[in-house]
Amino acid sequence: MSFDEIKKVEMEIYELTQKLNGLRSEAQGEEVSNYEFESLEGQVDLKSLFAGKDKLMVIHNMGQACRYCTLWADGINPFIKHLETAMSVVLVSKDSPQVQRQFANSRNWRMRMVSHGGGAYMTEQSVDAETKANAPGVSVYELKEGKVFLKNRTGFGPYDQFCSAWNFLSLAGENAGTWTPQYDYWKRPETMEDGGENLN
């Protein structure tokens, strides 16, 4: 394939993305329940997660046992302060609030976190509407006259719009079949200058 062919496909993707953004902007949404979650401070509901804003972005994360979800959250984390100028941002997973916070601290994540515990929010608001499974993705809600509406939602997967690492990897010919994200890329040297005792 020539560079001209690549450029043509890139332009087609750009034009489709513009169309998609327009459709998302026009979406009216559908009313949803005021779901309950667990946090380090106790039980909270969906409305409280708006934290004074009229829009809320909920990152659907499968939990600290998923390397792929970790890659997506690692990529979103640097944008949190920018995103929060437009809406509230919260990451949800089935992990307990204590496990969430411990893992978030290890990754230096700055987003707020709550646990759905695998309950009604996960099954009724899953980004995988067919299977209602614990799936990775993102939902955006709006608060209108005291009611919560789901405005948009989409799943996460390699080459989506939400994890740029895959697009950089594709430039090098790597793909989801040849590359797998890891929690840490450090490899133990053959010789440890400090002796290597008690190394995790």
N, C-alpha and C. Protein backbone atom coordinates (compact mmCIF):
# COMPACT_ATOMS: atom_id res chain seq x y z
N MET A 1 0.84 -1.19 0.00
CA MET A 1 0.00 0.00 0.00
C MET A 1 0.88 1.25 0.00
N SER A 2 0.55 2.24 -0.82
CA SER A 2 1.35 3.46 -0.91
C SER A 2 0.93 4.45 0.17
N PHE A 3 1.79 5.46 0.39
CA PHE A 3 1.47 6.51 1.35
C PHE A 3 0.22 7.28 0.92
N ASP A 4 0.00 7.42 -0.39
CA ASP A 4 -1.19 8.12 -0.88
C ASP A 4 -2.46 7.37 -0.47
N GLU A 5 -2.42 6.04 -0.55
CA GLU A 5 -3.57 5.24 -0.16
C GLU A 5 -3.82 5.36 1.34
N ILE A 6 -2.73 5.36 2.12
CA ILE A 6 -2.86 5.52 3.57
C ILE A 6 -3.50 6.86 3.89
N LYS A 7 -3.02 7.93 3.23
CA LYS A 7 -3.56 9.28 3.47
C LYS A 7 -5.04 9.34 3.12
N LYS A 8 -5.44 8.66 2.06
CA LYS A 8 -6.85 8.66 1.65
C LYS A 8 -7.72 8.02 2.73
N VAL A 9 -7.27 6.90 3.27
CA VAL A 9 -8.03 6.21 4.32
C VAL A 9 -8.06 7.08 5.58
N GLU A 10 -6.94 7.73 5.92
CA GLU A 10 -6.91 8.61 7.08
C GLU A 10 -7.94 9.73 6.95
N MET A 11 -8.07 10.29 5.74
CA MET A 11 -9.05 11.36 5.51
C MET A 11 -10.47 10.84 5.63
N GLU A 12 -10.73 9.62 5.17
CA GLU A 12 -12.05 9.03 5.30
C GLU A 12 -12.40 8.83 6.77
N ILE A 13 -11.42 8.39 7.56
CA ILE A 13 -11.63 8.21 9.01
C ILE A 13 -11.92 9.55 9.66
N TYR A 14 -11.17 10.59 9.26
CA TYR A 14 -11.39 11.94 9.80
C TYR A 14 -12.81 12.41 9.52
N GLU A 15 -13.27 12.24 8.28
CA GLU A 15 -14.61 12.69 7.91
C GLU A 15 -15.69 11.92 8.66
N LEU A 16 -15.50 10.60 8.82
CA LEU A 16 -16.46 9.80 9.59
C LEU A 16 -16.46 10.21 11.06
N THR A 17 -15.28 10.54 11.58
CA THR A 17 -15.18 10.98 12.97
C THR A 17 -15.95 12.27 13.19
N GLN A 18 -15.85 13.19 12.22
CA GLN A 18 -16.61 14.44 12.31
C GLN A 18 -18.11 14.16 12.31
N LYS A 19 -18.55 13.22 11.48
CA LYS A 19 -19.96 12.85 11.44
C LYS A 19 -20.39 12.23 12.77
N LEU A 20 -19.54 11.35 13.32
CA LEU A 20 -19.82 10.70 14.60
C LEU A 20 -19.94 11.73 15.71
N ASN A 21 -19.03 12.69 15.73
CA ASN A 21 -19.06 13.73 16.77
C ASN A 21 -20.35 14.53 16.70
N GLY A 22 -20.82 14.80 15.48
CA GLY A 22 -22.08 15.51 15.32
C GLY A 22 -23.26 14.72 15.86
N LEU A 23 -23.30 13.44 15.58
CA LEU A 23 -24.38 12.58 16.08
C LEU A 23 -24.35 12.50 17.59
N ARG A 24 -23.16 12.41 18.16
CA ARG A 24 -23.05 12.35 19.62
C ARG A 24 -23.53 13.65 20.25
N SER A 25 -23.21 14.77 19.63
CA SER A 25 -23.62 16.06 20.16
C SER A 25 -25.13 16.21 20.16
N GLU A 26 -25.79 15.66 19.14
CA GLU A 26 -27.24 15.80 19.00
C GLU A 26 -28.02 14.79 19.84
N ALA A 27 -27.35 13.76 20.37
CA ALA A 27 -28.04 12.71 21.12
C ALA A 27 -28.81 13.30 22.32
N GLN A 28 -30.08 12.93 22.45
CA GLN A 28 -30.93 13.45 23.52
C GLN A 28 -30.82 12.64 24.80
N GLY A 29 -30.45 11.38 24.68
CA GLY A 29 -30.27 10.55 25.86
C GLY A 29 -31.55 9.91 26.36
N GLU A 30 -31.37 9.03 27.35
CA GLU A 30 -32.52 8.34 27.96
C GLU A 30 -32.35 8.35 29.47
N GLU A 31 -33.45 8.47 30.18
CA GLU A 31 -33.41 8.56 31.64
C GLU A 31 -32.96 7.24 32.25
N VAL A 32 -32.13 7.32 33.29
CA VAL A 32 -31.64 6.13 33.98
C VAL A 32 -31.90 6.27 35.48
N SER A 33 -31.75 5.17 36.19
CA SER A 33 -31.95 5.16 37.64
C SER A 33 -30.81 5.88 38.36
N ASN A 34 -31.07 6.24 39.60
CA ASN A 34 -30.06 6.88 40.43
C ASN A 34 -29.30 5.78 41.18
N TYR A 35 -28.39 5.12 40.48
CA TYR A 35 -27.69 3.94 40.99
C TYR A 35 -26.87 4.24 42.25
N GLU A 36 -26.67 3.19 43.05
CA GLU A 36 -25.87 3.29 44.27
C GLU A 36 -24.49 2.68 44.05
N PHE A 37 -23.48 3.29 44.68
CA PHE A 37 -22.10 2.83 44.59
C PHE A 37 -21.47 2.86 45.98
N GLU A 38 -20.34 2.19 46.10
CA GLU A 38 -19.56 2.24 47.34
C GLU A 38 -18.29 3.04 47.10
N SER A 39 -17.95 3.88 48.07
CA SER A 39 -16.72 4.66 48.00
C SER A 39 -15.99 4.53 49.33
N LEU A 40 -14.81 5.09 49.41
CA LEU A 40 -14.07 5.06 50.68
C LEU A 40 -14.81 5.82 51.77
N GLU A 41 -15.67 6.77 51.35
CA GLU A 41 -16.43 7.57 52.32
C GLU A 41 -17.79 6.94 52.64
N GLY A 42 -18.11 5.80 52.01
CA GLY A 42 -19.40 5.16 52.23
C GLY A 42 -20.22 5.10 50.95
N GLN A 43 -21.53 4.89 51.11
CA GLN A 43 -22.41 4.74 49.96
C GLN A 43 -22.68 6.10 49.32
N VAL A 44 -22.65 6.13 47.99
CA VAL A 44 -22.96 7.34 47.22
C VAL A 44 -23.87 6.96 46.07
N ASP A 45 -24.60 7.94 45.54
CA ASP A 45 -25.47 7.64 44.39
C ASP A 45 -24.97 8.36 43.14
N LEU A 46 -25.57 8.00 42.01
CA LEU A 46 -25.14 8.52 40.72
C LEU A 46 -25.23 10.04 40.67
N LYS A 47 -26.31 10.60 41.21
CA LYS A 47 -26.48 12.05 41.19
C LYS A 47 -25.34 12.77 41.92
N SER A 48 -24.92 12.19 43.03
CA SER A 48 -23.86 12.85 43.82
C SER A 48 -22.54 12.89 43.07
N LEU A 49 -22.34 11.96 42.13
CA LEU A 49 -21.07 11.92 41.39
C LEU A 49 -20.93 13.09 40.42
N PHE A 50 -22.03 13.79 40.12
CA PHE A 50 -21.94 14.96 39.27
C PHE A 50 -21.16 16.09 39.95
N ALA A 51 -21.15 16.08 41.28
CA ALA A 51 -20.34 17.02 42.07
C ALA A 51 -20.49 18.47 41.63
N GLY A 52 -21.74 18.89 41.44
CA GLY A 52 -22.01 20.28 41.10
C GLY A 52 -22.00 20.60 39.62
N LYS A 53 -21.66 19.64 38.78
CA LYS A 53 -21.67 19.86 37.33
C LYS A 53 -22.92 19.23 36.72
N ASP A 54 -23.22 19.60 35.47
CA ASP A 54 -24.40 19.03 34.84
C ASP A 54 -24.07 17.85 33.92
N LYS A 55 -22.77 17.54 33.77
CA LYS A 55 -22.35 16.38 32.98
C LYS A 55 -21.39 15.52 33.80
N LEU A 56 -21.46 14.22 33.56
CA LEU A 56 -20.64 13.25 34.28
C LEU A 56 -20.11 12.21 33.31
N MET A 57 -18.79 12.02 33.29
CA MET A 57 -18.18 10.96 32.51
C MET A 57 -17.81 9.81 33.44
N VAL A 58 -18.31 8.62 33.14
CA VAL A 58 -18.02 7.43 33.94
C VAL A 58 -17.16 6.49 33.10
N ILE A 59 -15.95 6.24 33.57
CA ILE A 59 -15.04 5.31 32.91
C ILE A 59 -15.34 3.92 33.43
N HIS A 60 -15.75 3.02 32.55
CA HIS A 60 -16.05 1.63 32.93
C HIS A 60 -14.74 0.84 32.87
N ASN A 61 -14.28 0.40 34.02
CA ASN A 61 -13.00 -0.30 34.15
C ASN A 61 -13.28 -1.69 34.70
N MET A 62 -12.64 -2.71 34.16
CA MET A 62 -12.91 -4.08 34.61
C MET A 62 -12.21 -4.42 35.93
N GLY A 63 -11.36 -3.51 36.40
CA GLY A 63 -10.69 -3.72 37.68
C GLY A 63 -9.20 -3.93 37.53
N GLN A 64 -8.52 -3.97 38.67
CA GLN A 64 -7.06 -4.02 38.67
C GLN A 64 -6.51 -5.33 38.11
N ALA A 65 -7.36 -6.31 37.83
CA ALA A 65 -6.89 -7.57 37.27
C ALA A 65 -6.83 -7.54 35.74
N CYS A 66 -7.16 -6.39 35.12
CA CYS A 66 -7.17 -6.30 33.66
C CYS A 66 -6.07 -5.36 33.17
N ARG A 67 -5.10 -5.90 32.43
CA ARG A 67 -4.00 -5.09 31.90
C ARG A 67 -4.48 -4.09 30.86
N TYR A 68 -5.47 -4.48 30.07
CA TYR A 68 -5.98 -3.60 29.02
C TYR A 68 -6.69 -2.39 29.63
N CYS A 69 -7.57 -2.63 30.61
CA CYS A 69 -8.25 -1.52 31.28
C CYS A 69 -7.24 -0.59 31.95
N THR A 70 -6.17 -1.17 32.47
CA THR A 70 -5.12 -0.36 33.09
C THR A 70 -4.46 0.54 32.07
N LEU A 71 -4.19 0.02 30.86
CA LEU A 71 -3.60 0.83 29.79
C LEU A 71 -4.51 2.01 29.45
N TRP A 72 -5.82 1.77 29.32
CA TRP A 72 -6.74 2.85 28.98
C TRP A 72 -6.75 3.91 30.09
N ALA A 73 -6.85 3.47 31.34
CA ALA A 73 -6.88 4.43 32.45
C ALA A 73 -5.57 5.20 32.55
N ASP A 74 -4.45 4.53 32.30
CA ASP A 74 -3.15 5.22 32.28
C ASP A 74 -3.16 6.35 31.25
N GLY A 75 -3.80 6.09 30.10
CA GLY A 75 -3.83 7.09 29.04
C GLY A 75 -4.79 8.23 29.32
N ILE A 76 -5.91 7.94 29.98
CA ILE A 76 -6.90 8.97 30.30
C ILE A 76 -6.42 9.86 31.43
N ASN A 77 -5.69 9.29 32.37
CA ASN A 77 -5.28 10.01 33.58
C ASN A 77 -4.67 11.40 33.33
N PRO A 78 -3.75 11.58 32.37
CA PRO A 78 -3.17 12.91 32.18
C PRO A 78 -4.18 13.97 31.72
N PHE A 79 -5.34 13.53 31.19
CA PHE A 79 -6.33 14.49 30.70
C PHE A 79 -7.37 14.87 31.74
N ILE A 80 -7.31 14.26 32.94
CA ILE A 80 -8.37 14.46 33.93
C ILE A 80 -8.60 15.94 34.23
N LYS A 81 -7.54 16.70 34.49
CA LYS A 81 -7.73 18.12 34.86
C LYS A 81 -8.36 18.90 33.70
N HIS A 82 -8.10 18.50 32.47
CA HIS A 82 -8.73 19.15 31.32
C HIS A 82 -10.20 18.75 31.21
N LEU A 83 -10.46 17.46 31.32
CA LEU A 83 -11.83 16.96 31.20
C LEU A 83 -12.74 17.54 32.28
N GLU A 84 -12.17 17.71 33.49
CA GLU A 84 -12.99 18.19 34.60
C GLU A 84 -13.39 19.66 34.47
N THR A 85 -12.86 20.37 33.49
CA THR A 85 -13.36 21.72 33.23
C THR A 85 -14.72 21.68 32.54
N ALA A 86 -15.05 20.53 31.93
CA ALA A 86 -16.31 20.39 31.21
C ALA A 86 -17.31 19.48 31.92
N MET A 87 -16.81 18.55 32.72
CA MET A 87 -17.71 17.58 33.36
C MET A 87 -16.99 16.91 34.53
N SER A 88 -17.76 16.29 35.37
CA SER A 88 -17.20 15.48 36.44
C SER A 88 -16.71 14.16 35.85
N VAL A 89 -15.66 13.58 36.41
CA VAL A 89 -15.09 12.33 35.90
C VAL A 89 -14.93 11.34 37.04
N VAL A 90 -15.42 10.12 36.84
CA VAL A 90 -15.32 9.07 37.86
C VAL A 90 -15.00 7.75 37.17
N LEU A 91 -14.14 6.96 37.76
CA LEU A 91 -13.86 5.61 37.28
C LEU A 91 -14.61 4.62 38.16
N VAL A 92 -15.33 3.68 37.54
CA VAL A 92 -16.03 2.64 38.30
C VAL A 92 -15.49 1.27 37.92
N SER A 93 -15.45 0.37 38.89
CA SER A 93 -15.09 -1.03 38.64
C SER A 93 -15.76 -1.88 39.71
N LYS A 94 -15.61 -3.20 39.59
CA LYS A 94 -16.22 -4.09 40.58
C LYS A 94 -15.35 -4.23 41.83
N ASP A 95 -14.08 -3.78 41.76
CA ASP A 95 -13.18 -3.88 42.90
C ASP A 95 -13.70 -3.08 44.09
N SER A 96 -13.34 -3.49 45.28
CA SER A 96 -13.73 -2.74 46.48
C SER A 96 -13.04 -1.37 46.46
N PRO A 97 -13.61 -0.38 47.15
CA PRO A 97 -12.97 0.94 47.19
C PRO A 97 -11.52 0.90 47.71
N GLN A 98 -11.24 0.00 48.64
CA GLN A 98 -9.88 -0.10 49.18
C GLN A 98 -8.91 -0.60 48.11
N VAL A 99 -9.32 -1.63 47.36
CA VAL A 99 -8.47 -2.17 46.29
C VAL A 99 -8.31 -1.12 45.19
N GLN A 100 -9.39 -0.43 44.86
CA GLN A 100 -9.33 0.62 43.85
C GLN A 100 -8.28 1.68 44.22
N ARG A 101 -8.35 2.16 45.45
CA ARG A 101 -7.45 3.25 45.86
C ARG A 101 -6.01 2.79 45.90
N GLN A 102 -5.78 1.57 46.40
CA GLN A 102 -4.41 1.05 46.45
C GLN A 102 -3.82 0.95 45.04
N PHE A 103 -4.62 0.43 44.11
CA PHE A 103 -4.13 0.28 42.73
C PHE A 103 -3.96 1.65 42.07
N ALA A 104 -4.93 2.54 42.28
CA ALA A 104 -4.83 3.89 41.71
C ALA A 104 -3.57 4.60 42.19
N ASN A 105 -3.26 4.45 43.46
CA ASN A 105 -2.05 5.08 44.00
C ASN A 105 -0.80 4.52 43.34
N SER A 106 -0.81 3.22 43.07
CA SER A 106 0.36 2.60 42.44
C SER A 106 0.56 3.08 41.00
N ARG A 107 -0.53 3.57 40.37
CA ARG A 107 -0.47 4.05 38.98
C ARG A 107 -0.44 5.57 38.90
N ASN A 108 -0.56 6.24 40.05
CA ASN A 108 -0.64 7.71 40.09
C ASN A 108 -1.87 8.25 39.36
N TRP A 109 -2.98 7.50 39.42
CA TRP A 109 -4.23 7.97 38.82
C TRP A 109 -4.82 9.07 39.69
N ARG A 110 -5.38 10.10 39.04
CA ARG A 110 -5.94 11.24 39.76
C ARG A 110 -7.47 11.25 39.74
N MET A 111 -8.09 10.35 39.00
CA MET A 111 -9.55 10.37 38.91
C MET A 111 -10.21 9.85 40.19
N ARG A 112 -11.43 10.34 40.44
CA ARG A 112 -12.22 9.80 41.56
C ARG A 112 -12.66 8.39 41.19
N MET A 113 -12.91 7.56 42.21
CA MET A 113 -13.27 6.17 41.96
C MET A 113 -14.39 5.73 42.88
N VAL A 114 -15.29 4.90 42.34
CA VAL A 114 -16.32 4.24 43.14
C VAL A 114 -16.49 2.82 42.63
N SER A 115 -17.07 1.98 43.47
CA SER A 115 -17.26 0.57 43.11
C SER A 115 -18.74 0.27 42.86
N HIS A 116 -19.01 -0.42 41.72
CA HIS A 116 -20.38 -0.89 41.48
C HIS A 116 -20.55 -2.30 42.01
N GLY A 117 -19.45 -2.94 42.41
CA GLY A 117 -19.52 -4.26 43.04
C GLY A 117 -20.12 -5.35 42.19
N GLY A 118 -20.24 -5.11 40.87
CA GLY A 118 -20.83 -6.12 40.00
C GLY A 118 -22.34 -6.14 40.04
N GLY A 119 -22.96 -5.09 40.61
CA GLY A 119 -24.40 -5.05 40.78
C GLY A 119 -25.17 -4.45 39.62
N ALA A 120 -26.28 -3.77 39.97
CA ALA A 120 -27.23 -3.29 38.96
C ALA A 120 -26.61 -2.31 37.98
N TYR A 121 -25.73 -1.43 38.45
CA TYR A 121 -25.15 -0.47 37.51
C TYR A 121 -24.40 -1.21 36.40
N MET A 122 -23.62 -2.21 36.78
CA MET A 122 -22.83 -2.93 35.79
C MET A 122 -23.72 -3.61 34.76
N THR A 123 -24.77 -4.29 35.21
CA THR A 123 -25.59 -5.06 34.29
C THR A 123 -26.53 -4.18 33.47
N GLU A 124 -27.01 -3.09 34.05
CA GLU A 124 -27.99 -2.24 33.36
C GLU A 124 -27.35 -1.12 32.55
N GLN A 125 -26.12 -0.73 32.91
CA GLN A 125 -25.45 0.36 32.22
C GLN A 125 -24.17 -0.09 31.52
N SER A 126 -23.98 -1.39 31.37
CA SER A 126 -22.79 -1.89 30.69
C SER A 126 -22.69 -1.31 29.29
N VAL A 127 -21.47 -0.99 28.86
CA VAL A 127 -21.28 -0.52 27.49
C VAL A 127 -21.48 -1.66 26.49
N ASP A 128 -21.50 -2.90 26.98
CA ASP A 128 -21.83 -4.06 26.14
C ASP A 128 -23.29 -4.39 26.39
N ALA A 129 -24.17 -3.66 25.70
CA ALA A 129 -25.61 -3.77 25.95
C ALA A 129 -26.16 -5.16 25.64
N GLU A 130 -25.49 -5.90 24.74
CA GLU A 130 -25.98 -7.24 24.37
C GLU A 130 -25.82 -8.24 25.50
N THR A 131 -24.62 -8.33 26.05
CA THR A 131 -24.36 -9.33 27.08
C THR A 131 -24.53 -8.79 28.49
N LYS A 132 -24.58 -7.45 28.63
CA LYS A 132 -24.67 -6.78 29.94
C LYS A 132 -23.53 -7.22 30.85
N ALA A 133 -22.36 -7.41 30.24
CA ALA A 133 -21.20 -7.91 30.98
C ALA A 133 -20.38 -6.75 31.55
N ASN A 134 -19.45 -7.12 32.42
CA ASN A 134 -18.49 -6.16 32.98
C ASN A 134 -17.49 -5.84 31.89
N ALA A 135 -17.75 -4.80 31.11
CA ALA A 135 -16.95 -4.51 29.92
C ALA A 135 -16.32 -3.11 30.03
N PRO A 136 -15.17 -2.92 29.38
CA PRO A 136 -14.50 -1.61 29.43
C PRO A 136 -15.12 -0.62 28.46
N GLY A 137 -15.19 0.64 28.87
CA GLY A 137 -15.74 1.67 28.01
C GLY A 137 -15.97 2.96 28.78
N VAL A 138 -16.85 3.80 28.26
CA VAL A 138 -17.12 5.08 28.89
C VAL A 138 -18.57 5.49 28.62
N SER A 139 -19.20 6.09 29.61
CA SER A 139 -20.55 6.62 29.48
C SER A 139 -20.54 8.08 29.92
N VAL A 140 -21.36 8.89 29.28
CA VAL A 140 -21.53 10.28 29.70
C VAL A 140 -23.00 10.51 30.03
N TYR A 141 -23.24 11.07 31.21
CA TYR A 141 -24.59 11.33 31.70
C TYR A 141 -24.81 12.83 31.82
N GLU A 142 -26.07 13.23 31.73
CA GLU A 142 -26.46 14.62 31.94
C GLU A 142 -27.49 14.70 33.06
N LEU A 143 -27.42 15.74 33.85
CA LEU A 143 -28.38 15.97 34.92
C LEU A 143 -29.32 17.09 34.46
N LYS A 144 -30.61 16.74 34.32
CA LYS A 144 -31.60 17.71 33.85
C LYS A 144 -32.80 17.71 34.81
N GLU A 145 -33.03 18.84 35.45
CA GLU A 145 -34.17 19.00 36.36
C GLU A 145 -34.24 17.87 37.38
N GLY A 146 -33.08 17.51 37.92
CA GLY A 146 -33.02 16.50 38.97
C GLY A 146 -33.06 15.07 38.48
N LYS A 147 -33.10 14.86 37.17
CA LYS A 147 -33.12 13.52 36.60
C LYS A 147 -31.82 13.26 35.84
N VAL A 148 -31.39 11.99 35.83
CA VAL A 148 -30.15 11.62 35.16
C VAL A 148 -30.46 10.96 33.82
N PHE A 149 -29.77 11.43 32.78
CA PHE A 149 -29.96 10.88 31.44
C PHE A 149 -28.62 10.39 30.89
N LEU A 150 -28.64 9.19 30.29
CA LEU A 150 -27.47 8.68 29.58
C LEU A 150 -27.42 9.36 28.22
N LYS A 151 -26.39 10.17 27.97
CA LYS A 151 -26.28 10.89 26.70
C LYS A 151 -25.58 10.05 25.65
N ASN A 152 -24.45 9.45 26.01
CA ASN A 152 -23.68 8.63 25.07
C ASN A 152 -22.90 7.57 25.83
N ARG A 153 -22.60 6.47 25.14
CA ARG A 153 -21.70 5.47 25.71
C ARG A 153 -21.05 4.70 24.57
N THR A 154 -19.87 4.16 24.86
CA THR A 154 -19.16 3.35 23.86
C THR A 154 -18.17 2.45 24.58
N GLY A 155 -17.81 1.36 23.93
CA GLY A 155 -16.85 0.43 24.50
C GLY A 155 -15.42 0.80 24.15
N PHE A 156 -14.49 0.25 24.89
CA PHE A 156 -13.06 0.42 24.61
C PHE A 156 -12.54 -0.83 23.92
N GLY A 157 -11.59 -0.65 23.01
CA GLY A 157 -10.93 -1.76 22.34
C GLY A 157 -9.77 -1.25 21.53
N PRO A 158 -8.82 -2.10 21.16
CA PRO A 158 -7.67 -1.67 20.38
C PRO A 158 -8.07 -0.83 19.17
N TYR A 159 -7.36 0.26 18.95
CA TYR A 159 -7.55 1.19 17.82
C TYR A 159 -8.77 2.09 17.97
N ASP A 160 -9.38 2.14 19.15
CA ASP A 160 -10.48 3.08 19.33
C ASP A 160 -9.94 4.51 19.46
N GLN A 161 -10.84 5.45 19.71
CA GLN A 161 -10.45 6.86 19.80
C GLN A 161 -9.90 7.24 21.16
N PHE A 162 -9.87 6.31 22.09
CA PHE A 162 -9.61 6.66 23.48
C PHE A 162 -8.28 6.16 24.04
N CYS A 163 -7.50 5.45 23.22
CA CYS A 163 -6.20 4.96 23.67
C CYS A 163 -5.21 5.10 22.51
N SER A 164 -4.49 6.21 22.52
CA SER A 164 -3.62 6.53 21.39
C SER A 164 -2.44 5.58 21.23
N ALA A 165 -2.09 4.83 22.27
CA ALA A 165 -0.95 3.92 22.19
C ALA A 165 -1.08 2.96 21.01
N TRP A 166 -2.32 2.47 20.77
CA TRP A 166 -2.52 1.50 19.69
C TRP A 166 -2.23 2.10 18.32
N ASN A 167 -2.58 3.38 18.15
CA ASN A 167 -2.33 4.02 16.86
C ASN A 167 -0.84 4.24 16.63
N PHE A 168 -0.11 4.57 17.69
CA PHE A 168 1.33 4.69 17.55
C PHE A 168 1.96 3.33 17.23
N LEU A 169 1.47 2.28 17.90
CA LEU A 169 1.97 0.93 17.65
C LEU A 169 1.70 0.49 16.21
N SER A 170 0.52 0.90 15.68
CA SER A 170 0.18 0.49 14.31
C SER A 170 1.13 1.09 13.29
N LEU A 171 1.69 2.27 13.59
CA LEU A 171 2.65 2.88 12.68
C LEU A 171 3.90 2.02 12.53
N ALA A 172 4.17 1.22 13.56
CA ALA A 172 5.33 0.33 13.54
C ALA A 172 4.96 -1.09 13.10
N GLY A 173 3.69 -1.26 12.69
CA GLY A 173 3.25 -2.57 12.23
C GLY A 173 2.84 -3.51 13.35
N GLU A 174 2.74 -2.99 14.58
CA GLU A 174 2.30 -3.82 15.71
C GLU A 174 0.78 -3.77 15.81
N ASN A 175 0.19 -4.82 16.38
CA ASN A 175 -1.26 -4.87 16.53
C ASN A 175 -1.63 -5.68 17.76
N ALA A 176 -2.93 -5.86 17.96
CA ALA A 176 -3.40 -6.56 19.16
C ALA A 176 -2.98 -8.02 19.18
N GLY A 177 -2.58 -8.55 18.03
CA GLY A 177 -2.10 -9.93 17.99
C GLY A 177 -0.63 -10.08 18.29
N THR A 178 0.12 -8.97 18.17
CA THR A 178 1.57 -9.04 18.36
C THR A 178 2.05 -8.33 19.62
N TRP A 179 1.17 -7.53 20.25
CA TRP A 179 1.59 -6.74 21.41
C TRP A 179 0.52 -6.80 22.48
N THR A 180 0.94 -7.01 23.73
CA THR A 180 0.02 -7.06 24.86
C THR A 180 0.52 -6.10 25.94
N PRO A 181 -0.36 -5.24 26.47
CA PRO A 181 0.09 -4.32 27.53
C PRO A 181 0.46 -5.07 28.79
N GLN A 182 1.39 -4.53 29.54
CA GLN A 182 1.83 -5.10 30.80
C GLN A 182 1.68 -4.05 31.90
N TYR A 183 1.69 -4.50 33.14
CA TYR A 183 1.64 -3.55 34.25
C TYR A 183 2.95 -2.81 34.41
N ASP A 184 4.06 -3.49 34.07
CA ASP A 184 5.39 -2.91 34.26
C ASP A 184 6.31 -3.53 33.22
N TYR A 185 7.16 -2.70 32.62
CA TYR A 185 8.04 -3.19 31.56
C TYR A 185 9.49 -3.35 32.03
N TRP A 186 9.71 -3.19 33.32
CA TRP A 186 11.05 -3.36 33.87
C TRP A 186 11.45 -4.83 33.83
N LYS A 187 12.66 -5.10 33.40
CA LYS A 187 13.18 -6.47 33.41
C LYS A 187 14.40 -6.53 34.29
N ARG A 188 14.51 -7.59 35.06
CA ARG A 188 15.63 -7.74 35.97
C ARG A 188 16.93 -7.89 35.16
N PRO A 189 17.93 -7.08 35.44
CA PRO A 189 19.23 -7.23 34.78
C PRO A 189 19.86 -8.57 35.14
N GLU A 190 20.73 -9.07 34.28
CA GLU A 190 21.40 -10.34 34.57
C GLU A 190 22.22 -10.22 35.84
N THR A 191 22.83 -9.06 36.04
CA THR A 191 23.63 -8.83 37.25
C THR A 191 23.07 -7.64 38.00
N MET A 192 22.70 -7.85 39.26
CA MET A 192 22.20 -6.75 40.09
C MET A 192 23.37 -6.15 40.86
N GLU A 193 23.62 -4.87 40.65
CA GLU A 193 24.74 -4.21 41.30
C GLU A 193 24.58 -4.14 42.81
N ASP A 194 23.31 -4.20 43.29
CA ASP A 194 23.10 -4.15 44.74
C ASP A 194 22.98 -5.54 45.36
N GLY A 195 23.24 -6.56 44.57
CA GLY A 195 23.18 -7.93 45.09
C GLY A 195 21.87 -8.63 44.77
N GLY A 196 20.78 -7.87 44.65
CA GLY A 196 19.48 -8.43 44.25
C GLY A 196 18.68 -9.08 45.35
N GLU A 197 19.09 -8.95 46.62
CA GLU A 197 18.32 -9.56 47.70
C GLU A 197 16.97 -8.87 47.86
N ASN A 198 15.96 -9.66 48.23
CA ASN A 198 14.61 -9.15 48.55
C ASN A 198 14.00 -8.35 47.39
N LEU A 199 14.28 -8.77 46.17
CA LEU A 199 13.76 -8.08 45.00
C LEU A 199 12.41 -8.65 44.62
N ASN A 200 11.39 -7.79 44.51
CA ASN A 200 10.06 -8.26 44.13
C ASN A 200 9.94 -8.34 42.63
